[in-house]
């Protein structure tokens, strides 16, 4: 068995998540990083996409969750992404998902609010 990590960095999507009604009405860009630890039963020497995670498909899974139904918490969003990726790709032994929200409604200036979730724990 071979174990390695595939990273998708700074995937950007427009969505409408957040607690406040204005966040749903206006929407904003969200950014996702996904570190996918793959425990492949097939040797890498086979050079076969079926033995690994197709990152185009992984991106599409992330996009479907992020642009789908509204979540109030980016923590819940990260969990849903992690679960969906692990369900789609059983060869993923665990994930680390980071969701960034650059326009978090706070009474001050910040670059972004961010949460990182490891699944399963």
N, C-alpha and C. Protein backbone atom coordinates (compact mmCIF):
# COMPACT_ATOMS: atom_id res chain seq x y z
N UNK A 1 0.84 -1.18 0.00
CA UNK A 1 0.00 0.00 0.00
C UNK A 1 0.89 1.25 0.00
N UNK A 2 0.47 2.24 -0.75
CA UNK A 2 1.18 3.51 -0.83
C UNK A 2 0.29 4.60 -0.24
N UNK A 3 0.87 5.48 0.59
CA UNK A 3 0.11 6.60 1.14
C UNK A 3 0.78 7.90 0.73
N UNK A 4 -0.04 8.84 0.28
CA UNK A 4 0.46 10.15 -0.16
C UNK A 4 -0.66 11.17 -0.01
N UNK A 5 -0.33 12.44 -0.17
CA UNK A 5 -1.31 13.52 -0.01
C UNK A 5 -1.45 14.30 -1.31
N UNK A 6 -2.70 14.49 -1.71
CA UNK A 6 -3.05 15.35 -2.84
C UNK A 6 -3.62 16.63 -2.25
N UNK A 7 -3.12 17.78 -2.71
CA UNK A 7 -3.60 19.08 -2.22
C UNK A 7 -4.25 19.87 -3.35
N UNK A 8 -5.42 20.40 -3.04
CA UNK A 8 -6.09 21.37 -3.91
C UNK A 8 -6.10 22.67 -3.11
N UNK A 9 -5.43 23.69 -3.62
CA UNK A 9 -5.24 24.93 -2.87
C UNK A 9 -6.02 26.09 -3.49
N UNK A 10 -6.69 26.83 -2.62
CA UNK A 10 -7.32 28.10 -2.99
C UNK A 10 -8.41 27.94 -4.06
N UNK A 11 -9.20 26.88 -3.96
CA UNK A 11 -10.35 26.71 -4.85
C UNK A 11 -11.36 27.81 -4.51
N UNK A 12 -11.80 28.55 -5.51
CA UNK A 12 -12.66 29.71 -5.27
C UNK A 12 -14.06 29.48 -5.82
N UNK A 13 -15.07 29.87 -5.01
CA UNK A 13 -16.47 29.69 -5.38
C UNK A 13 -17.29 30.85 -4.85
N UNK A 14 -18.31 31.25 -5.59
CA UNK A 14 -19.25 32.25 -5.11
C UNK A 14 -20.42 31.51 -4.45
N UNK A 15 -20.74 31.91 -3.22
CA UNK A 15 -21.82 31.23 -2.48
C UNK A 15 -22.47 32.20 -1.49
N UNK A 16 -23.46 31.69 -0.77
CA UNK A 16 -24.29 32.55 0.09
C UNK A 16 -24.41 31.99 1.50
N UNK A 17 -23.30 31.67 2.13
CA UNK A 17 -23.30 31.10 3.48
C UNK A 17 -23.14 32.19 4.53
N UNK A 18 -23.67 31.92 5.70
CA UNK A 18 -23.51 32.83 6.82
C UNK A 18 -24.77 32.94 7.64
N UNK A 19 -24.62 33.49 8.84
CA UNK A 19 -25.72 33.61 9.78
C UNK A 19 -26.66 34.76 9.39
N UNK A 20 -26.10 35.83 8.89
CA UNK A 20 -26.89 37.04 8.61
C UNK A 20 -27.61 36.96 7.27
N UNK A 21 -28.82 37.52 7.23
CA UNK A 21 -29.62 37.51 6.00
C UNK A 21 -28.89 38.22 4.85
N UNK A 22 -28.15 39.27 5.17
CA UNK A 22 -27.41 40.01 4.13
C UNK A 22 -26.37 39.12 3.46
N UNK A 23 -25.79 38.19 4.19
CA UNK A 23 -24.79 37.27 3.61
C UNK A 23 -25.46 36.36 2.57
N UNK A 24 -26.67 35.96 2.85
CA UNK A 24 -27.39 35.14 1.87
C UNK A 24 -27.82 35.99 0.68
N UNK A 25 -28.28 37.19 0.94
CA UNK A 25 -28.77 38.05 -0.15
C UNK A 25 -27.64 38.48 -1.09
N UNK A 26 -26.51 38.86 -0.51
CA UNK A 26 -25.40 39.40 -1.31
C UNK A 26 -24.46 38.31 -1.83
N UNK A 27 -24.22 37.31 -1.02
CA UNK A 27 -23.25 36.29 -1.37
C UNK A 27 -21.83 36.83 -1.34
N UNK A 28 -20.87 35.95 -1.49
CA UNK A 28 -19.47 36.34 -1.53
C UNK A 28 -18.64 35.16 -1.99
N UNK A 29 -17.37 35.42 -2.19
CA UNK A 29 -16.45 34.37 -2.60
C UNK A 29 -15.95 33.62 -1.35
N UNK A 30 -15.87 32.31 -1.47
CA UNK A 30 -15.30 31.44 -0.45
C UNK A 30 -14.12 30.70 -1.08
N UNK A 31 -13.12 30.40 -0.27
CA UNK A 31 -11.93 29.70 -0.73
C UNK A 31 -11.77 28.41 0.07
N UNK A 32 -11.39 27.35 -0.62
CA UNK A 32 -11.24 26.04 0.01
C UNK A 32 -9.88 25.46 -0.32
N UNK A 33 -9.22 24.93 0.70
CA UNK A 33 -8.02 24.11 0.53
C UNK A 33 -8.39 22.70 0.98
N UNK A 34 -7.98 21.71 0.23
CA UNK A 34 -8.25 20.32 0.58
C UNK A 34 -6.95 19.53 0.52
N UNK A 35 -6.58 18.92 1.62
CA UNK A 35 -5.45 17.99 1.67
C UNK A 35 -6.06 16.60 1.84
N UNK A 36 -5.87 15.76 0.84
CA UNK A 36 -6.48 14.44 0.80
C UNK A 36 -5.40 13.38 0.93
N UNK A 37 -5.39 12.68 2.04
CA UNK A 37 -4.43 11.61 2.24
C UNK A 37 -5.00 10.34 1.64
N UNK A 38 -4.29 9.81 0.67
CA UNK A 38 -4.75 8.66 -0.11
C UNK A 38 -3.96 7.43 0.31
N UNK A 39 -4.69 6.38 0.63
CA UNK A 39 -4.08 5.08 0.92
C UNK A 39 -4.43 4.18 -0.25
N UNK A 40 -3.59 4.16 -1.26
CA UNK A 40 -3.88 3.45 -2.49
C UNK A 40 -3.44 2.00 -2.40
N UNK A 41 -4.33 1.13 -2.82
CA UNK A 41 -4.01 -0.30 -2.88
C UNK A 41 -3.26 -0.63 -4.17
N UNK A 42 -3.38 0.25 -5.16
CA UNK A 42 -2.71 0.02 -6.45
C UNK A 42 -1.36 0.71 -6.44
N UNK A 43 -0.35 0.08 -6.95
CA UNK A 43 0.97 0.72 -6.99
C UNK A 43 0.97 1.92 -7.92
N UNK A 44 1.71 2.95 -7.54
CA UNK A 44 1.80 4.16 -8.37
C UNK A 44 2.45 3.87 -9.71
N UNK A 45 3.27 2.83 -9.76
CA UNK A 45 3.92 2.47 -11.01
C UNK A 45 2.92 2.10 -12.11
N UNK A 46 1.69 1.73 -11.71
CA UNK A 46 0.66 1.39 -12.70
C UNK A 46 0.22 2.63 -13.49
N UNK A 47 0.46 3.82 -12.93
CA UNK A 47 0.11 5.08 -13.61
C UNK A 47 -1.36 5.06 -14.04
N UNK A 48 -2.25 4.66 -13.11
CA UNK A 48 -3.67 4.46 -13.40
C UNK A 48 -4.51 5.37 -12.53
N UNK A 49 -5.33 6.21 -13.15
CA UNK A 49 -6.17 7.17 -12.42
C UNK A 49 -7.15 6.47 -11.48
N UNK A 50 -7.54 5.24 -11.78
CA UNK A 50 -8.50 4.53 -10.94
C UNK A 50 -7.93 4.18 -9.57
N UNK A 51 -6.64 4.21 -9.42
CA UNK A 51 -6.04 3.87 -8.13
C UNK A 51 -5.83 5.07 -7.22
N UNK A 52 -6.24 6.24 -7.66
CA UNK A 52 -5.97 7.45 -6.89
C UNK A 52 -7.23 8.32 -6.86
N UNK A 53 -7.07 9.58 -6.52
CA UNK A 53 -8.16 10.54 -6.51
C UNK A 53 -8.02 11.44 -7.73
N UNK A 54 -9.02 11.45 -8.57
CA UNK A 54 -9.06 12.34 -9.73
C UNK A 54 -9.35 13.74 -9.19
N UNK A 55 -8.37 14.64 -9.26
CA UNK A 55 -8.58 15.94 -8.63
C UNK A 55 -9.57 16.82 -9.36
N UNK A 56 -9.84 16.54 -10.63
CA UNK A 56 -10.93 17.25 -11.31
C UNK A 56 -12.28 16.88 -10.72
N UNK A 57 -12.45 15.59 -10.45
CA UNK A 57 -13.68 15.13 -9.81
C UNK A 57 -13.76 15.64 -8.37
N UNK A 58 -12.64 15.63 -7.67
CA UNK A 58 -12.62 16.15 -6.29
C UNK A 58 -13.02 17.62 -6.26
N UNK A 59 -12.51 18.40 -7.22
CA UNK A 59 -12.89 19.81 -7.31
C UNK A 59 -14.40 19.95 -7.51
N UNK A 60 -14.96 19.13 -8.38
CA UNK A 60 -16.40 19.17 -8.64
C UNK A 60 -17.22 18.82 -7.39
N UNK A 61 -16.74 17.87 -6.60
CA UNK A 61 -17.41 17.51 -5.34
C UNK A 61 -17.40 18.71 -4.39
N UNK A 62 -16.24 19.37 -4.27
CA UNK A 62 -16.13 20.55 -3.41
C UNK A 62 -17.07 21.64 -3.91
N UNK A 63 -17.05 21.89 -5.21
CA UNK A 63 -17.89 22.94 -5.79
C UNK A 63 -19.37 22.70 -5.52
N UNK A 64 -19.82 21.46 -5.65
CA UNK A 64 -21.23 21.13 -5.43
C UNK A 64 -21.65 21.47 -3.99
N UNK A 65 -20.80 21.16 -3.03
CA UNK A 65 -21.11 21.44 -1.63
C UNK A 65 -21.09 22.94 -1.38
N UNK A 66 -20.03 23.61 -1.80
CA UNK A 66 -19.87 25.04 -1.50
C UNK A 66 -20.95 25.87 -2.17
N UNK A 67 -21.31 25.56 -3.39
CA UNK A 67 -22.31 26.35 -4.11
C UNK A 67 -23.73 25.83 -3.89
N UNK A 68 -23.88 24.80 -3.08
CA UNK A 68 -25.19 24.21 -2.82
C UNK A 68 -25.94 24.93 -1.71
N UNK A 69 -26.62 24.16 -0.88
CA UNK A 69 -27.49 24.75 0.14
C UNK A 69 -26.71 25.62 1.12
N UNK A 70 -27.40 26.62 1.62
CA UNK A 70 -26.79 27.56 2.57
C UNK A 70 -26.50 26.87 3.90
N UNK A 71 -25.31 27.14 4.42
CA UNK A 71 -24.95 26.74 5.78
C UNK A 71 -24.68 28.02 6.56
N UNK A 72 -25.02 28.02 7.82
CA UNK A 72 -24.75 29.19 8.67
C UNK A 72 -23.27 29.24 9.07
N UNK A 73 -22.65 28.08 9.25
CA UNK A 73 -21.28 28.01 9.77
C UNK A 73 -20.32 27.46 8.71
N UNK A 74 -19.15 28.09 8.60
CA UNK A 74 -18.15 27.53 7.69
C UNK A 74 -17.60 26.22 8.25
N UNK A 75 -17.75 26.00 9.55
CA UNK A 75 -17.36 24.73 10.14
C UNK A 75 -18.21 23.59 9.57
N UNK A 76 -19.52 23.83 9.47
CA UNK A 76 -20.43 22.83 8.90
C UNK A 76 -20.14 22.61 7.43
N UNK A 77 -19.79 23.68 6.75
CA UNK A 77 -19.42 23.59 5.34
C UNK A 77 -18.19 22.71 5.14
N UNK A 78 -17.17 22.93 5.97
CA UNK A 78 -15.94 22.11 5.88
C UNK A 78 -16.24 20.64 6.16
N UNK A 79 -17.08 20.37 7.15
CA UNK A 79 -17.43 18.99 7.47
C UNK A 79 -18.16 18.32 6.32
N UNK A 80 -19.10 19.04 5.70
CA UNK A 80 -19.83 18.46 4.57
C UNK A 80 -18.90 18.16 3.39
N UNK A 81 -17.94 19.04 3.14
CA UNK A 81 -16.97 18.81 2.07
C UNK A 81 -16.15 17.55 2.38
N UNK A 82 -15.65 17.46 3.61
CA UNK A 82 -14.82 16.31 4.00
C UNK A 82 -15.59 15.01 3.85
N UNK A 83 -16.81 14.98 4.35
CA UNK A 83 -17.62 13.76 4.26
C UNK A 83 -17.91 13.38 2.81
N UNK A 84 -18.24 14.36 1.98
CA UNK A 84 -18.55 14.08 0.58
C UNK A 84 -17.33 13.54 -0.16
N UNK A 85 -16.15 14.09 0.10
CA UNK A 85 -14.94 13.60 -0.56
C UNK A 85 -14.61 12.17 -0.13
N UNK A 86 -14.74 11.89 1.17
CA UNK A 86 -14.45 10.54 1.66
C UNK A 86 -15.47 9.53 1.13
N UNK A 87 -16.71 9.96 0.97
CA UNK A 87 -17.73 9.07 0.42
C UNK A 87 -17.46 8.78 -1.06
N UNK A 88 -17.08 9.80 -1.80
CA UNK A 88 -16.84 9.64 -3.23
C UNK A 88 -15.57 8.83 -3.52
N UNK A 89 -14.56 9.01 -2.67
CA UNK A 89 -13.27 8.35 -2.88
C UNK A 89 -12.92 7.53 -1.63
N UNK A 90 -13.30 6.26 -1.59
CA UNK A 90 -13.01 5.44 -0.40
C UNK A 90 -11.52 5.25 -0.13
N UNK A 91 -10.67 5.52 -1.11
CA UNK A 91 -9.23 5.40 -0.90
C UNK A 91 -8.65 6.57 -0.09
N UNK A 92 -9.47 7.59 0.22
CA UNK A 92 -9.01 8.69 1.08
C UNK A 92 -9.07 8.20 2.52
N UNK A 93 -7.92 8.18 3.20
CA UNK A 93 -7.90 7.74 4.60
C UNK A 93 -8.30 8.87 5.54
N UNK A 94 -7.93 10.11 5.20
CA UNK A 94 -8.44 11.26 5.93
C UNK A 94 -8.21 12.53 5.13
N UNK A 95 -8.95 13.56 5.51
CA UNK A 95 -8.88 14.84 4.82
C UNK A 95 -8.59 15.96 5.81
N UNK A 96 -8.04 17.02 5.29
CA UNK A 96 -7.93 18.26 6.03
C UNK A 96 -8.52 19.34 5.11
N UNK A 97 -9.64 19.90 5.53
CA UNK A 97 -10.37 20.87 4.72
C UNK A 97 -10.31 22.23 5.41
N UNK A 98 -9.91 23.25 4.66
CA UNK A 98 -9.89 24.62 5.15
C UNK A 98 -10.85 25.44 4.30
N UNK A 99 -11.73 26.19 4.98
CA UNK A 99 -12.66 27.09 4.30
C UNK A 99 -12.36 28.50 4.78
N UNK A 100 -12.14 29.40 3.82
CA UNK A 100 -11.86 30.81 4.13
C UNK A 100 -13.02 31.68 3.65
N UNK A 101 -13.36 32.63 4.50
CA UNK A 101 -14.43 33.58 4.21
C UNK A 101 -13.83 34.98 4.32
N UNK A 102 -13.49 35.61 3.19
CA UNK A 102 -12.76 36.87 3.24
C UNK A 102 -13.59 38.06 3.72
N UNK A 103 -14.89 38.01 3.55
CA UNK A 103 -15.71 39.15 3.95
C UNK A 103 -16.58 38.83 5.15
N UNK A 104 -15.96 38.27 6.17
CA UNK A 104 -16.70 37.94 7.39
C UNK A 104 -17.21 39.23 8.03
N UNK A 105 -18.47 39.23 8.48
CA UNK A 105 -19.05 40.44 9.05
C UNK A 105 -18.57 40.68 10.48
N UNK A 106 -17.46 41.37 10.60
CA UNK A 106 -16.90 41.71 11.91
C UNK A 106 -16.75 43.23 11.99
N UNK A 107 -16.73 43.77 13.20
CA UNK A 107 -16.61 45.22 13.35
C UNK A 107 -15.16 45.68 13.29
N UNK A 108 -14.49 45.36 12.21
CA UNK A 108 -13.08 45.73 12.05
C UNK A 108 -12.55 45.20 10.74
N UNK A 109 -11.25 45.33 10.59
CA UNK A 109 -10.59 44.93 9.35
C UNK A 109 -9.88 43.60 9.58
N UNK A 110 -10.09 42.65 8.65
CA UNK A 110 -9.35 41.39 8.69
C UNK A 110 -9.24 40.86 7.27
N UNK A 111 -8.26 40.02 7.04
CA UNK A 111 -8.10 39.43 5.71
C UNK A 111 -9.19 38.40 5.45
N UNK A 112 -9.44 37.52 6.42
CA UNK A 112 -10.46 36.49 6.26
C UNK A 112 -10.66 35.77 7.58
N UNK A 113 -11.81 35.13 7.70
CA UNK A 113 -12.06 34.15 8.77
C UNK A 113 -11.83 32.78 8.14
N UNK A 114 -11.27 31.87 8.91
CA UNK A 114 -10.89 30.56 8.36
C UNK A 114 -11.12 29.47 9.38
N UNK A 115 -11.54 28.31 8.90
CA UNK A 115 -11.65 27.14 9.75
C UNK A 115 -10.98 25.97 9.03
N UNK A 116 -10.28 25.13 9.80
CA UNK A 116 -9.68 23.91 9.26
C UNK A 116 -10.22 22.73 10.06
N UNK A 117 -10.66 21.72 9.32
CA UNK A 117 -11.25 20.54 9.93
C UNK A 117 -10.56 19.29 9.41
N UNK A 118 -10.23 18.38 10.29
CA UNK A 118 -9.64 17.09 9.91
C UNK A 118 -10.73 16.03 10.05
N UNK A 119 -10.90 15.22 8.99
CA UNK A 119 -11.93 14.18 9.01
C UNK A 119 -11.40 12.91 8.39
N UNK A 120 -11.68 11.74 8.87
CA UNK A 120 -12.17 11.54 10.22
C UNK A 120 -11.06 11.80 11.23
N UNK A 121 -11.46 11.96 12.47
CA UNK A 121 -10.49 12.33 13.49
C UNK A 121 -9.78 11.14 14.06
